[in-house]
Amino acid sequence: MKELIRQLVPGLKALTAGTKTTGHIPVAGTPIEMPFTLICGTKQGKDILITGGVHGGEYPCIETAIQLAKELDPKEVAGTVLIIHPVNTAAFLTRMQYYGPYDGKNLNRVFPGKATGTVSERIAYVVHQLQKEADFFIDLHGGDIHESLIPFVIYSNVGSKEVAEQSRQAAALLGFPYVVGSVSENGSIGGAATVGTPGFLAELGQCGRWNQDEVEQYKAAVKNVLRSWATIPGQVQTHQVEYLEKMLVATALHEGCWYPEVKLEAKVTKGQKLGEIRDFFGTKLSEYHAEGNGIVLYLVTSLAITANDPLYAIGVQAAK
């Protein structure tokens, strides 16, 4: 991974053991430069890639990545840890939810990206090249500006069973209540899994806000995972979590006003009404029902909704 960073960032000094290097990774053909910290440990070990801020409005994960980058001591690290904080700088500075300001695309829906694509596709392409070099990938997310959620972790079932199981076991070490599988290939963890890199996508935070307590929880969780890879010293803590087979995401059929009828972590049954969209005169345009039995993991909280935006996600328990 160090050699790739040298290629991506012109003028870097030698990346020697026991050093911490900061800078910006330029995304060719775009105005984007991703701030990064590369921690080169004093011992042999794994190459770990950590990203925060794939979505610009998810603040706890971005601040967690920034603080982790400052706190990790190269003298205590085995291997290398590359942290990007944040990935989607343009979306962060324009306070956008989900999408990027240059092309209107959701960065977490365009992996593995394109070297000569739109801005979001080019960002994804650079991150994907780093995923190929990494031994493990951690993608930190949280409740976007309009989104409420309970802490949960997604791992990818794309690729080999061995990679999926490594990802699942590592995801549980965060200690978040729910761990759910995914078969999406165009998201960050799907992109990593397709090239044989295990990893997970973590979610923690609420509605585009952040506080230090959440950041401390997030940092402690990530450090526990790093201990499991012997990247940093210390005892690994195990946790009881609930494994969910998959996530069912509902998307809006209309623009207008969104009225959910359930709360976070509610247990719902197939066919149960979960909400409706009305126009600006209060007339119902569409209503939404659970596609299966499960648990509400996240819920859009804003009154405003646009067509094709997510409304909620249900985590479905594995069939017994």
C-alpha atoms as a PDB file:
ATOM      1  CA  MET A   1       0.000   0.000   0.000  1.00  0.00           C
ATOM      2  CA  LYS A   2       2.923   2.369   0.685  1.00  0.00           C
ATOM      3  CA  GLU A   3       4.165   2.081  -2.885  1.00  0.00           C
ATOM      4  CA  LEU A   4       0.731   2.969  -4.259  1.00  0.00           C
ATOM      5  CA  ILE A   5       0.567   6.034  -2.009  1.00  0.00           C
ATOM      6  CA  ARG A   6       3.940   7.138  -3.389  1.00  0.00           C
ATOM      7  CA  GLN A   7       2.526   6.838  -6.896  1.00  0.00           C
ATOM      8  CA  LEU A   8      -0.665   8.719  -6.047  1.00  0.00           C
ATOM      9  CA  VAL A   9       0.873  11.587  -4.074  1.00  0.00           C
ATOM     10  CA  PRO A  10       3.672  13.480  -5.840  1.00  0.00           C
ATOM     11  CA  GLY A  11       6.659  14.601  -3.802  1.00  0.00           C
ATOM     12  CA  LEU A  12       6.185  12.377  -0.775  1.00  0.00           C
ATOM     13  CA  LYS A  13       9.197  11.853   1.446  1.00  0.00           C
ATOM     14  CA  ALA A  14      10.359   8.323   2.192  1.00  0.00           C
ATOM     15  CA  LEU A  15       7.702   6.351   4.045  1.00  0.00           C
ATOM     16  CA  THR A  16       9.859   4.726   6.682  1.00  0.00           C
ATOM     17  CA  ALA A  17       8.953   2.559   9.660  1.00  0.00           C
ATOM     18  CA  GLY A  18       7.850   4.421  12.766  1.00  0.00           C
ATOM     19  CA  THR A  19       6.604   7.510  10.933  1.00  0.00           C
ATOM     20  CA  LYS A  20       3.290   9.245  10.378  1.00  0.00           C
ATOM     21  CA  THR A  21       2.730  11.046   7.073  1.00  0.00           C
ATOM     22  CA  THR A  22      -0.107  13.423   6.275  1.00  0.00           C
ATOM     23  CA  GLY A  23      -1.113  14.940   2.968  1.00  0.00           C
ATOM     24  CA  HIS A  24      -3.728  14.905   0.228  1.00  0.00           C
ATOM     25  CA  ILE A  25      -4.422  12.253  -2.400  1.00  0.00           C
ATOM     26  CA  PRO A  26      -5.361  13.992  -5.647  1.00  0.00           C
ATOM     27  CA  VAL A  27      -8.132  12.468  -7.749  1.00  0.00           C
ATOM     28  CA  ALA A  28      -6.950  12.808 -11.348  1.00  0.00           C
ATOM     29  CA  GLY A  29      -9.123  14.931 -13.604  1.00  0.00           C
ATOM     30  CA  THR A  30     -11.081  16.444 -10.700  1.00  0.00           C
ATOM     31  CA  PRO A  31     -10.596  19.237  -8.137  1.00  0.00           C
ATOM     32  CA  ILE A  32     -10.845  16.666  -5.330  1.00  0.00           C
ATOM     33  CA  GLU A  33      -7.971  16.072  -2.920  1.00  0.00           C
ATOM     34  CA  MET A  34      -8.585  13.559  -0.150  1.00  0.00           C
ATOM     35  CA  PRO A  35      -6.836  14.311   3.179  1.00  0.00           C
ATOM     36  CA  PHE A  36      -5.010  11.243   4.455  1.00  0.00           C
ATOM     37  CA  THR A  37      -2.812  10.031   7.283  1.00  0.00           C
ATOM     38  CA  LEU A  38      -0.486   7.085   6.711  1.00  0.00           C
ATOM     39  CA  ILE A  39       0.866   5.427   9.841  1.00  0.00           C
ATOM     40  CA  CYS A  40       3.866   3.183   9.185  1.00  0.00           C
ATOM     41  CA  GLY A  41       4.418   0.881  12.124  1.00  0.00           C
ATOM     42  CA  THR A  42       7.694  -0.309  13.556  1.00  0.00           C
ATOM     43  CA  LYS A  43       6.789  -3.987  13.131  1.00  0.00           C
ATOM     44  CA  GLN A  44       5.659  -6.176  10.276  1.00  0.00           C
ATOM     45  CA  GLY A  45       1.891  -6.509  10.004  1.00  0.00           C
ATOM     46  CA  LYS A  46      -1.223  -6.008   7.917  1.00  0.00           C
ATOM     47  CA  ASP A  47      -2.123  -3.100   5.648  1.00  0.00           C
ATOM     48  CA  ILE A  48      -5.371  -1.568   6.934  1.00  0.00           C
ATOM     49  CA  LEU A  49      -7.438   0.971   4.987  1.00  0.00           C
ATOM     50  CA  ILE A  50      -9.919   3.126   6.937  1.00  0.00           C
ATOM     51  CA  THR A  51     -12.251   5.589   5.206  1.00  0.00           C
ATOM     52  CA  GLY A  52     -14.590   8.130   6.769  1.00  0.00           C
ATOM     53  CA  GLY A  53     -16.915  10.489   4.976  1.00  0.00           C
ATOM     54  CA  VAL A  54     -17.836   8.637   1.804  1.00  0.00           C
ATOM     55  CA  HIS A  55     -21.067  10.532   2.452  1.00  0.00           C
ATOM     56  CA  GLY A  56     -20.372  14.167   3.308  1.00  0.00           C
ATOM     57  CA  GLY A  57     -23.201  14.637   5.816  1.00  0.00           C
ATOM     58  CA  GLU A  58     -22.243  11.779   8.143  1.00  0.00           C
ATOM     59  CA  TYR A  59     -20.269  13.582  10.810  1.00  0.00           C
ATOM     60  CA  PRO A  60     -19.482  11.140  13.655  1.00  0.00           C
ATOM     61  CA  CYS A  61     -17.536   8.892  11.300  1.00  0.00           C
ATOM     62  CA  ILE A  62     -15.547  11.790   9.843  1.00  0.00           C
ATOM     63  CA  GLU A  63     -14.537  13.123  13.241  1.00  0.00           C
ATOM     64  CA  THR A  64     -13.714   9.566  14.351  1.00  0.00           C
ATOM     65  CA  ALA A  65     -11.374   9.139  11.387  1.00  0.00           C
ATOM     66  CA  ILE A  66      -9.707  12.496  12.093  1.00  0.00           C
ATOM     67  CA  GLN A  67      -9.146  11.680  15.762  1.00  0.00           C
ATOM     68  CA  LEU A  68      -7.961   8.129  15.072  1.00  0.00           C
ATOM     69  CA  ALA A  69      -5.408   9.496  12.620  1.00  0.00           C
ATOM     70  CA  LYS A  70      -4.016  11.803  15.304  1.00  0.00           C
ATOM     71  CA  GLU A  71      -4.071   9.245  18.120  1.00  0.00           C
ATOM     72  CA  LEU A  72      -2.542   6.138  16.561  1.00  0.00           C
ATOM     73  CA  ASP A  73       1.138   5.991  17.483  1.00  0.00           C
ATOM     74  CA  PRO A  74       3.485   4.541  14.829  1.00  0.00           C
ATOM     75  CA  LYS A  75       5.639   3.088  17.623  1.00  0.00           C
ATOM     76  CA  GLU A  76       2.713   0.901  18.703  1.00  0.00           C
ATOM     77  CA  VAL A  77       1.505  -0.037  15.211  1.00  0.00           C
ATOM     78  CA  ALA A  78       2.353  -3.230  13.341  1.00  0.00           C
ATOM     79  CA  GLY A  79       2.022  -2.906   9.578  1.00  0.00           C
ATOM     80  CA  THR A  80       0.485   0.205   8.054  1.00  0.00           C
ATOM     81  CA  VAL A  81      -2.775   2.057   8.611  1.00  0.00           C
ATOM     82  CA  LEU A  82      -4.042   4.436   5.937  1.00  0.00           C
ATOM     83  CA  ILE A  83      -6.911   6.704   7.027  1.00  0.00           C
ATOM     84  CA  ILE A  84      -8.772   9.001   4.612  1.00  0.00           C
ATOM     85  CA  HIS A  85     -10.661  11.744   6.463  1.00  0.00           C
ATOM     86  CA  PRO A  86     -12.929  12.577   4.722  1.00  0.00           C
ATOM     87  CA  VAL A  87     -13.172  10.873   1.345  1.00  0.00           C
ATOM     88  CA  ASN A  88     -15.890  13.077  -0.130  1.00  0.00           C
ATOM     89  CA  THR A  89     -14.542  16.524   0.735  1.00  0.00           C
ATOM     90  CA  ALA A  90     -16.763  18.378  -1.752  1.00  0.00           C
ATOM     91  CA  ALA A  91     -19.947  16.803  -0.378  1.00  0.00           C
ATOM     92  CA  PHE A  92     -18.783  17.551   3.168  1.00  0.00           C
ATOM     93  CA  LEU A  93     -18.102  21.235   2.519  1.00  0.00           C
ATOM     94  CA  THR A  94     -21.400  21.728   0.682  1.00  0.00           C
ATOM     95  CA  ARG A  95     -23.285  19.877   3.469  1.00  0.00           C
ATOM     96  CA  MET A  96     -24.880  17.455   1.033  1.00  0.00           C
ATOM     97  CA  GLN A  97     -26.651  14.247   1.953  1.00  0.00           C
ATOM     98  CA  TYR A  98     -25.766  11.117  -0.041  1.00  0.00           C
ATOM     99  CA  TYR A  99     -24.744  12.846  -3.268  1.00  0.00           C
ATOM    100  CA  GLY A 100     -21.746  14.708  -4.652  1.00  0.00           C
ATOM    101  CA  PRO A 101     -22.064  18.308  -5.872  1.00  0.00           C
ATOM    102  CA  TYR A 102     -20.257  17.808  -9.183  1.00  0.00           C
ATOM    103  CA  ASP A 103     -22.247  14.962 -10.686  1.00  0.00           C
ATOM    104  CA  GLY A 104     -25.201  14.345  -8.347  1.00  0.00           C
ATOM    105  CA  LYS A 105     -24.128  10.735  -7.824  1.00  0.00           C
ATOM    106  CA  ASN A 106     -24.044   8.694  -4.646  1.00  0.00           C
ATOM    107  CA  LEU A 107     -20.389   7.745  -4.163  1.00  0.00           C
ATOM    108  CA  ASN A 108     -21.394   4.561  -2.366  1.00  0.00           C
ATOM    109  CA  ARG A 109     -23.296   3.365  -5.423  1.00  0.00           C
ATOM    110  CA  VAL A 110     -20.560   3.674  -8.060  1.00  0.00           C
ATOM    111  CA  PHE A 111     -17.820   1.272  -6.935  1.00  0.00           C
ATOM    112  CA  PRO A 112     -15.409   0.096  -8.283  1.00  0.00           C
ATOM    113  CA  GLY A 113     -15.506   3.415 -10.090  1.00  0.00           C
ATOM    114  CA  LYS A 114     -13.987   4.523 -13.384  1.00  0.00           C
ATOM    115  CA  ALA A 115     -10.613   6.145 -14.029  1.00  0.00           C
ATOM    116  CA  THR A 116     -12.141   8.404 -16.680  1.00  0.00           C
ATOM    117  CA  GLY A 117     -15.672   8.671 -15.285  1.00  0.00           C
ATOM    118  CA  THR A 118     -17.533  11.411 -13.437  1.00  0.00           C
ATOM    119  CA  VAL A 119     -16.099  12.957 -10.269  1.00  0.00           C
ATOM    120  CA  SER A 120     -17.747  10.428  -7.941  1.00  0.00           C
ATOM    121  CA  GLU A 121     -16.686   7.533 -10.178  1.00  0.00           C
ATOM    122  CA  ARG A 122     -13.093   8.779 -10.193  1.00  0.00           C
ATOM    123  CA  ILE A 123     -13.051   9.074  -6.389  1.00  0.00           C
ATOM    124  CA  ALA A 124     -14.383   5.517  -6.106  1.00  0.00           C
ATOM    125  CA  TYR A 125     -11.726   4.337  -8.569  1.00  0.00           C
ATOM    126  CA  VAL A 126      -8.880   5.733  -6.444  1.00  0.00           C
ATOM    127  CA  VAL A 127     -10.314   4.225  -3.255  1.00  0.00           C
ATOM    128  CA  HIS A 128     -10.756   0.913  -5.057  1.00  0.00           C
ATOM    129  CA  GLN A 129      -7.082   0.840  -6.055  1.00  0.00           C
ATOM    130  CA  LEU A 130      -6.223   1.219  -2.368  1.00  0.00           C
ATOM    131  CA  GLN A 131      -8.702  -1.540  -1.480  1.00  0.00           C
ATOM    132  CA  LYS A 132      -6.788  -3.894  -3.761  1.00  0.00           C
ATOM    133  CA  GLU A 133      -3.594  -3.275  -1.797  1.00  0.00           C
ATOM    134  CA  ALA A 134      -5.165  -3.527   1.668  1.00  0.00           C
ATOM    135  CA  ASP A 135      -5.471  -6.624   3.840  1.00  0.00           C
ATOM    136  CA  PHE A 136      -8.592  -5.233   5.503  1.00  0.00           C
ATOM    137  CA  PHE A 137     -11.001  -2.374   4.782  1.00  0.00           C
ATOM    138  CA  ILE A 138     -13.046  -0.381   7.309  1.00  0.00           C
ATOM    139  CA  ASP A 139     -15.608   2.096   5.949  1.00  0.00           C
ATOM    140  CA  LEU A 140     -17.061   4.386   8.626  1.00  0.00           C
ATOM    141  CA  HIS A 141     -20.566   5.817   8.102  1.00  0.00           C
ATOM    142  CA  GLY A 142     -23.335   7.288  10.257  1.00  0.00           C
ATOM    143  CA  GLY A 143     -26.767   8.899  10.277  1.00  0.00           C
ATOM    144  CA  ASP A 144     -26.852  11.347   7.365  1.00  0.00           C
ATOM    145  CA  ILE A 145     -28.395  14.818   7.612  1.00  0.00           C
ATOM    146  CA  HIS A 146     -31.937  13.440   7.261  1.00  0.00           C
ATOM    147  CA  GLU A 147     -31.442   9.940   8.639  1.00  0.00           C
ATOM    148  CA  SER A 148     -31.901   8.292  12.020  1.00  0.00           C
ATOM    149  CA  LEU A 149     -30.381   4.883  12.743  1.00  0.00           C
ATOM    150  CA  ILE A 150     -29.343   2.422  15.391  1.00  0.00           C
ATOM    151  CA  PRO A 151     -25.698   1.328  15.327  1.00  0.00           C
ATOM    152  CA  PHE A 152     -25.222  -1.589  12.947  1.00  0.00           C
ATOM    153  CA  VAL A 153     -22.591  -3.065  10.646  1.00  0.00           C
ATOM    154  CA  ILE A 154     -22.840  -4.356   7.084  1.00  0.00           C
ATOM    155  CA  TYR A 155     -20.483  -6.947   5.647  1.00  0.00           C
ATOM    156  CA  SER A 156     -20.370  -8.231   2.080  1.00  0.00           C
ATOM    157  CA  ASN A 157     -21.332 -11.704   0.909  1.00  0.00           C
ATOM    158  CA  VAL A 158     -19.956 -10.904  -2.541  1.00  0.00           C
ATOM    159  CA  GLY A 159     -16.832 -12.895  -3.321  1.00  0.00           C
ATOM    160  CA  SER A 160     -15.521 -15.943  -1.501  1.00  0.00           C
ATOM    161  CA  LYS A 161     -17.072 -17.509   1.591  1.00  0.00           C
ATOM    162  CA  GLU A 162     -13.739 -17.146   3.375  1.00  0.00           C
ATOM    163  CA  VAL A 163     -13.640 -13.364   2.819  1.00  0.00           C
ATOM    164  CA  ALA A 164     -17.288 -13.039   3.854  1.00  0.00           C
ATOM    165  CA  GLU A 165     -16.683 -14.956   7.087  1.00  0.00           C
ATOM    166  CA  GLN A 166     -13.592 -12.883   7.936  1.00  0.00           C
ATOM    167  CA  SER A 167     -15.672  -9.768   7.384  1.00  0.00           C
ATOM    168  CA  ARG A 168     -18.584 -11.048   9.457  1.00  0.00           C
ATOM    169  CA  GLN A 169     -16.403 -11.966  12.411  1.00  0.00           C
ATOM    170  CA  ALA A 170     -14.566  -8.638  12.353  1.00  0.00           C
ATOM    171  CA  ALA A 171     -17.849  -6.718  12.095  1.00  0.00           C
ATOM    172  CA  ALA A 172     -19.046  -8.305  15.336  1.00  0.00           C
ATOM    173  CA  LEU A 173     -15.998  -6.956  17.172  1.00  0.00           C
ATOM    174  CA  LEU A 174     -17.323  -3.404  16.909  1.00  0.00           C
ATOM    175  CA  GLY A 175     -19.926  -4.314  19.489  1.00  0.00           C
ATOM    176  CA  PHE A 176     -22.803  -2.695  17.576  1.00  0.00           C
ATOM    177  CA  PRO A 177     -26.144  -4.470  18.168  1.00  0.00           C
ATOM    178  CA  TYR A 178     -26.745  -5.765  14.630  1.00  0.00           C
ATOM    179  CA  VAL A 179     -24.527  -7.269  11.922  1.00  0.00           C
ATOM    180  CA  VAL A 180     -26.164  -7.702   8.523  1.00  0.00           C
ATOM    181  CA  GLY A 181     -25.046  -9.305   5.258  1.00  0.00           C
ATOM    182  CA  SER A 182     -25.160  -7.608   1.856  1.00  0.00           C
ATOM    183  CA  VAL A 183     -24.917  -8.770  -1.747  1.00  0.00           C
ATOM    184  CA  SER A 184     -24.537  -5.299  -3.274  1.00  0.00           C
ATOM    185  CA  GLU A 185     -21.537  -4.995  -5.607  1.00  0.00           C
ATOM    186  CA  ASN A 186     -21.586  -1.233  -6.264  1.00  0.00           C
ATOM    187  CA  GLY A 187     -20.937  -0.098  -2.695  1.00  0.00           C
ATOM    188  CA  SER A 188     -17.593   0.333  -0.961  1.00  0.00           C
ATOM    189  CA  ILE A 189     -17.515  -3.047   0.790  1.00  0.00           C
ATOM    190  CA  GLY A 190     -18.826  -4.831  -2.286  1.00  0.00           C
ATOM    191  CA  GLY A 191     -16.019  -3.279  -4.285  1.00  0.00           C
ATOM    192  CA  ALA A 192     -13.472  -4.502  -1.739  1.00  0.00           C
ATOM    193  CA  ALA A 193     -14.954  -8.002  -1.558  1.00  0.00           C
ATOM    194  CA  THR A 194     -14.821  -8.432  -5.345  1.00  0.00           C
ATOM    195  CA  VAL A 195     -11.013  -8.140  -5.192  1.00  0.00           C
ATOM    196  CA  GLY A 196     -10.696 -10.430  -2.171  1.00  0.00           C
ATOM    197  CA  THR A 197     -10.327  -7.784   0.545  1.00  0.00           C
ATOM    198  CA  PRO A 198     -12.421  -8.439   3.667  1.00  0.00           C
ATOM    199  CA  GLY A 199     -14.022  -5.525   5.461  1.00  0.00           C
ATOM    200  CA  PHE A 200     -17.212  -3.926   6.694  1.00  0.00           C
ATOM    201  CA  LEU A 201     -19.271  -0.742   6.616  1.00  0.00           C
ATOM    202  CA  ALA A 202     -20.187   0.593  10.064  1.00  0.00           C
ATOM    203  CA  GLU A 203     -23.088   2.915  10.913  1.00  0.00           C
ATOM    204  CA  LEU A 204     -23.288   5.089  14.035  1.00  0.00           C
ATOM    205  CA  GLY A 205     -24.846   8.515  14.558  1.00  0.00           C
ATOM    206  CA  GLN A 206     -27.992  10.524  14.097  1.00  0.00           C
ATOM    207  CA  CYS A 207     -29.330  13.089  11.649  1.00  0.00           C
ATOM    208  CA  GLY A 208     -26.188  14.957  10.644  1.00  0.00           C
ATOM    209  CA  ARG A 209     -25.105  15.678  14.212  1.00  0.00           C
ATOM    210  CA  TRP A 210     -22.105  14.495  16.186  1.00  0.00           C
ATOM    211  CA  ASN A 211     -20.880  14.536  19.755  1.00  0.00           C
ATOM    212  CA  GLN A 212     -17.703  13.419  21.466  1.00  0.00           C
ATOM    213  CA  ASP A 213     -19.392  10.527  23.275  1.00  0.00           C
ATOM    214  CA  GLU A 214     -20.331   8.977  19.914  1.00  0.00           C
ATOM    215  CA  VAL A 215     -16.819   9.544  18.610  1.00  0.00           C
ATOM    216  CA  GLU A 216     -15.288   7.879  21.688  1.00  0.00           C
ATOM    217  CA  GLN A 217     -17.608   4.890  21.194  1.00  0.00           C
ATOM    218  CA  TYR A 218     -16.661   4.703  17.518  1.00  0.00           C
ATOM    219  CA  LYS A 219     -12.919   4.971  18.182  1.00  0.00           C
ATOM    220  CA  ALA A 220     -13.017   2.294  20.862  1.00  0.00           C
ATOM    221  CA  ALA A 221     -14.920  -0.021  18.511  1.00  0.00           C
ATOM    222  CA  VAL A 222     -12.466   0.473  15.635  1.00  0.00           C
ATOM    223  CA  LYS A 223      -9.468   0.011  17.905  1.00  0.00           C
ATOM    224  CA  ASN A 224     -10.923  -3.299  19.069  1.00  0.00           C
ATOM    225  CA  VAL A 225     -10.973  -4.458  15.447  1.00  0.00           C
ATOM    226  CA  LEU A 226      -7.396  -3.254  14.943  1.00  0.00           C
ATOM    227  CA  ARG A 227      -6.343  -5.316  17.966  1.00  0.00           C
ATOM    228  CA  SER A 228      -7.896  -8.396  16.369  1.00  0.00           C
ATOM    229  CA  TRP A 229      -5.488  -7.937  13.441  1.00  0.00           C
ATOM    230  CA  ALA A 230      -2.581  -7.326  15.876  1.00  0.00           C
ATOM    231  CA  THR A 231      -2.250  -3.870  14.321  1.00  0.00           C
ATOM    232  CA  ILE A 232      -2.204  -2.286  17.785  1.00  0.00           C
ATOM    233  CA  PRO A 233      -1.518  -3.998  21.121  1.00  0.00           C
ATOM    234  CA  GLY A 234      -4.157  -4.935  23.651  1.00  0.00           C
ATOM    235  CA  GLN A 235      -6.778  -7.515  24.483  1.00  0.00           C
ATOM    236  CA  VAL A 236      -9.619  -8.062  22.031  1.00  0.00           C
ATOM    237  CA  GLN A 237     -13.097  -7.703  23.518  1.00  0.00           C
ATOM    238  CA  THR A 238     -15.837 -10.019  22.256  1.00  0.00           C
ATOM    239  CA  HIS A 239     -19.489  -8.979  22.039  1.00  0.00           C
ATOM    240  CA  GLN A 240     -22.908 -10.538  21.730  1.00  0.00           C
ATOM    241  CA  VAL A 241     -24.552  -9.283  18.531  1.00  0.00           C
ATOM    242  CA  GLU A 242     -27.559 -10.263  16.466  1.00  0.00           C
ATOM    243  CA  TYR A 243     -26.757 -11.464  12.959  1.00  0.00           C
ATOM    244  CA  LEU A 244     -29.210 -10.514  10.228  1.00  0.00           C
ATOM    245  CA  GLU A 245     -29.329 -12.197   6.853  1.00  0.00           C
ATOM    246  CA  LYS A 246     -29.965  -9.160   4.652  1.00  0.00           C
ATOM    247  CA  MET A 247     -31.322  -5.641   4.521  1.00  0.00           C
ATOM    248  CA  LEU A 248     -34.479  -4.615   2.651  1.00  0.00           C
ATOM    249  CA  VAL A 249     -34.368  -0.964   1.595  1.00  0.00           C
ATOM    250  CA  ALA A 250     -37.488   0.880   0.448  1.00  0.00           C
ATOM    251  CA  THR A 251     -37.130   3.831  -1.941  1.00  0.00           C
ATOM    252  CA  ALA A 252     -39.544   6.671  -2.613  1.00  0.00           C
ATOM    253  CA  LEU A 253     -41.799   6.479  -5.649  1.00  0.00           C
ATOM    254  CA  HIS A 254     -42.684  10.169  -5.489  1.00  0.00           C
ATOM    255  CA  GLU A 255     -41.357  13.478  -4.291  1.00  0.00           C
ATOM    256  CA  GLY A 256     -43.289  15.247  -1.584  1.00  0.00           C
ATOM    257  CA  CYS A 257     -43.740  14.784   2.178  1.00  0.00           C
ATOM    258  CA  TRP A 258     -42.766  11.602   4.029  1.00  0.00           C
ATOM    259  CA  TYR A 259     -44.751  10.333   7.036  1.00  0.00           C
ATOM    260  CA  PRO A 260     -43.229   7.256   8.699  1.00  0.00           C
ATOM    261  CA  GLU A 261     -45.470   5.181  10.967  1.00  0.00           C
ATOM    262  CA  VAL A 262     -42.785   3.175  12.779  1.00  0.00           C
ATOM    263  CA  LYS A 263     -39.824   3.919  15.000  1.00  0.00           C
ATOM    264  CA  LEU A 264     -36.229   2.753  14.985  1.00  0.00           C
ATOM    265  CA  GLU A 265     -35.625  -0.845  16.078  1.00  0.00           C
ATOM    266  CA  ALA A 266     -39.332  -1.629  15.763  1.00  0.00           C
ATOM    267  CA  LYS A 267     -40.024  -5.245  14.913  1.00  0.00           C
ATOM    268  CA  VAL A 268     -42.237  -5.325  11.856  1.00  0.00           C
ATOM    269  CA  THR A 269     -44.077  -8.054   9.997  1.00  0.00           C
ATOM    270  CA  LYS A 270     -44.431  -8.629   6.281  1.00  0.00           C
ATOM    271  CA  GLY A 271     -47.176  -6.457   4.837  1.00  0.00           C
ATOM    272  CA  GLN A 272     -47.252  -4.018   7.759  1.00  0.00           C
ATOM    273  CA  LYS A 273     -47.691  -0.402   6.700  1.00  0.00           C
ATOM    274  CA  LEU A 274     -44.551   1.591   7.532  1.00  0.00           C
ATOM    275  CA  GLY A 275     -45.376   5.016   6.112  1.00  0.00           C
ATOM    276  CA  GLU A 276     -46.718   7.067   3.247  1.00  0.00           C
ATOM    277  CA  ILE A 277     -45.818   9.967   0.975  1.00  0.00           C
ATOM    278  CA  ARG A 278     -48.288  12.837   0.455  1.00  0.00           C
ATOM    279  CA  ASP A 279     -48.220  15.819  -1.871  1.00  0.00           C
ATOM    280  CA  PHE A 280     -48.186  19.452  -0.747  1.00  0.00           C
ATOM    281  CA  PHE A 281     -51.979  19.405  -0.416  1.00  0.00           C
ATOM    282  CA  GLY A 282     -51.930  16.432   1.956  1.00  0.00           C
ATOM    283  CA  THR A 283     -53.148  13.943  -0.639  1.00  0.00           C
ATOM    284  CA  LYS A 284     -51.636  10.478  -0.367  1.00  0.00           C
ATOM    285  CA  LEU A 285     -49.414   9.577  -3.306  1.00  0.00           C
ATOM    286  CA  SER A 286     -48.055   6.199  -2.189  1.00  0.00           C
ATOM    287  CA  GLU A 287     -47.777   4.026   0.878  1.00  0.00           C
ATOM    288  CA  TYR A 288     -45.064   1.591   1.911  1.00  0.00           C
ATOM    289  CA  HIS A 289     -45.307  -1.848   3.479  1.00  0.00           C
ATOM    290  CA  ALA A 290     -42.707  -4.169   4.930  1.00  0.00           C
ATOM    291  CA  GLU A 291     -41.451  -6.686   2.379  1.00  0.00           C
ATOM    292  CA  GLY A 292     -40.521  -9.131   5.117  1.00  0.00           C
ATOM    293  CA  ASN A 293     -40.341  -9.678   8.859  1.00  0.00           C
ATOM    294  CA  GLY A 294     -37.506  -7.816  10.514  1.00  0.00           C
ATOM    295  CA  ILE A 295     -36.130  -4.864  12.464  1.00  0.00           C
ATOM    296  CA  VAL A 296     -36.098  -1.197  11.395  1.00  0.00           C
ATOM    297  CA  LEU A 297     -32.386  -0.297  11.185  1.00  0.00           C
ATOM    298  CA  TYR A 298     -32.629   3.190   9.730  1.00  0.00           C
ATOM    299  CA  LEU A 299     -35.356   5.659   8.957  1.00  0.00           C
ATOM    300  CA  VAL A 300     -35.476   8.905   7.016  1.00  0.00           C
ATOM    301  CA  THR A 301     -36.600  11.608   9.433  1.00  0.00           C
ATOM    302  CA  SER A 302     -37.057  14.606   7.136  1.00  0.00           C
ATOM    303  CA  LEU A 303     -40.482  15.705   5.986  1.00  0.00           C
ATOM    304  CA  ALA A 304     -39.054  16.385   2.533  1.00  0.00           C
ATOM    305  CA  ILE A 305     -38.477  13.407   0.266  1.00  0.00           C
ATOM    306  CA  THR A 306     -37.438  13.085  -3.369  1.00  0.00           C
ATOM    307  CA  ALA A 307     -38.148  10.229  -5.756  1.00  0.00           C
ATOM    308  CA  ASN A 308     -35.726   7.284  -5.577  1.00  0.00           C
ATOM    309  CA  ASP A 309     -34.334   8.285  -2.173  1.00  0.00           C
ATOM    310  CA  PRO A 310     -34.246   5.597   0.530  1.00  0.00           C
ATOM    311  CA  LEU A 311     -37.030   5.721   3.115  1.00  0.00           C
ATOM    312  CA  TYR A 312     -36.042   2.999   5.568  1.00  0.00           C
ATOM    313  CA  ALA A 313     -34.202  -0.296   5.861  1.00  0.00           C
ATOM    314  CA  ILE A 314     -35.387  -3.497   7.483  1.00  0.00           C
ATOM    315  CA  GLY A 315     -32.857  -6.039   8.719  1.00  0.00           C
ATOM    316  CA  VAL A 316     -34.195  -9.518   8.078  1.00  0.00           C
ATOM    317  CA  GLN A 317     -33.352 -12.344  10.436  1.00  0.00           C
ATOM    318  CA  ALA A 318     -31.989 -15.556   8.937  1.00  0.00           C
ATOM    319  CA  ALA A 319     -34.528 -18.318   8.449  1.00  0.00           C
ATOM    320  CA  LYS A 320     -34.308 -21.019  11.104  1.00  0.00           C
END
